[in-house]
Protein backbone atom coordinates (compact mmCIF):
# COMPACT_ATOMS: atom_id res chain seq x y z
CA MET A 1 99.65 124.31 137.16
CA ASN A 2 98.01 122.45 134.09
CA HIS A 3 95.04 124.94 134.24
CA LYS A 4 93.17 122.50 131.22
CA ALA A 5 93.19 119.29 132.98
CA ILE A 6 92.44 120.93 136.21
CA TYR A 7 89.66 122.15 134.46
CA ALA A 8 89.00 118.79 132.78
CA LEU A 9 89.28 116.34 135.98
CA TYR A 10 87.75 118.21 138.27
CA PRO A 11 84.52 120.83 136.77
CA ASN A 12 83.90 122.25 140.09
CA VAL A 13 86.80 123.94 139.58
CA VAL A 14 85.63 127.93 138.00
CA SER A 15 89.73 130.14 139.25
CA ILE A 16 92.92 128.58 139.76
CA ASP A 17 95.92 130.91 140.84
CA ASP A 18 99.31 129.43 140.34
CA THR A 19 101.15 129.93 144.16
CA HIS A 20 96.92 129.09 146.33
CA GLY A 21 95.43 126.97 144.10
CA ALA A 22 92.11 125.88 142.33
CA PHE A 23 88.62 127.59 143.44
CA ASP A 24 84.95 126.94 143.43
CA LYS A 25 82.63 129.10 142.55
CA ASP A 26 82.03 130.43 146.53
CA GLY A 27 85.78 130.99 146.91
CA ASN A 28 86.34 127.14 148.88
CA GLN A 29 90.12 125.72 147.70
CA VAL A 30 89.54 122.76 145.31
CA THR A 31 91.47 119.63 146.36
CA ILE A 32 93.62 118.42 144.06
CA ASP A 33 95.35 115.27 142.61
CA GLU A 34 98.36 116.15 140.60
CA SER A 35 99.57 112.05 139.79
CA ALA A 36 96.09 112.29 137.63
CA VAL A 37 96.30 116.03 136.59
CA ASN A 38 100.13 115.14 135.85
CA ALA A 39 98.62 111.18 133.53
CA TRP A 40 95.85 113.47 132.40
CA THR A 41 96.05 113.35 128.63
CA ASP A 42 94.46 116.74 126.47
CA PRO A 43 91.81 114.35 124.09
CA GLU A 44 92.08 117.60 121.04
CA GLN A 45 95.65 116.62 121.19
CA TYR A 46 96.13 115.16 117.79
CA LYS A 47 94.32 118.30 116.47
CA TYR A 48 97.81 120.69 117.46
CA ASP A 49 99.87 117.68 116.73
CA ARG A 50 98.07 117.57 113.15
CA GLN A 51 98.38 121.60 112.74
CA SER A 52 102.04 121.71 113.91
CA GLU A 53 102.25 119.08 110.59
CA TYR A 54 100.85 120.26 107.74
CA LYS A 55 102.09 122.21 105.10
CA THR A 56 101.25 125.75 104.56
CA ILE A 57 97.04 126.36 103.12
CA ALA A 58 99.45 127.95 100.46
CA GLU A 59 101.32 124.91 100.21
CA GLN A 60 98.32 122.69 99.89
CA LEU A 61 97.08 124.64 97.00
CA ASP A 62 99.31 124.40 95.23
CA MET A 63 100.13 120.34 95.66
CA GLN A 64 96.42 120.02 95.02
CA TYR A 65 96.62 121.92 91.56
CA TRP A 66 99.20 120.31 91.13
CA ASP A 67 97.73 116.87 91.50
CA ALA A 68 95.06 118.55 89.22
CA VAL A 69 97.41 119.03 85.97
CA ASN A 70 99.90 115.47 86.46
CA GLY A 71 97.37 112.75 88.36
CA THR A 72 99.15 112.32 91.41
CA THR A 73 97.99 112.27 94.62
CA ASN A 74 100.66 113.50 96.56
CA TRP A 75 98.18 116.51 98.55
CA GLN A 76 95.73 113.32 99.51
CA ASP A 77 99.25 111.59 100.36
CA HIS A 78 100.57 114.22 102.85
CA ILE A 79 97.33 114.34 104.46
CA ASN A 80 97.05 111.15 105.03
CA ALA A 81 100.81 110.86 106.50
CA ILE A 82 100.16 113.42 109.85
CA LYS A 83 96.78 111.55 110.11
CA THR A 84 97.64 108.35 110.66
CA LYS A 85 100.80 109.82 112.42
CA TYR A 86 97.57 111.73 114.98
CA PRO A 87 94.82 109.45 115.07
CA LYS A 88 92.02 111.32 115.99
CA PRO A 89 90.72 109.15 119.77
CA GLU A 90 88.13 107.58 119.77
């Protein structure tokens, strides 16, 4: 089960058991529409996608240093390429 999707789509759900389903605060089982859960996309996925492609902070600092020394924009180009590849949803 996609717990994050269920919590986002069903605000009354307070607990999820992969075997028995989702439950509200009173322990009542909440009926889940699996197709809606499967169709849900995480509005914050772009953050995780970007994070996996950014160079380490040490590498970015080194890029910034050499950009300052050489008058280049390698660091800015690196960041812009990733932000373009994974845009923030509106």
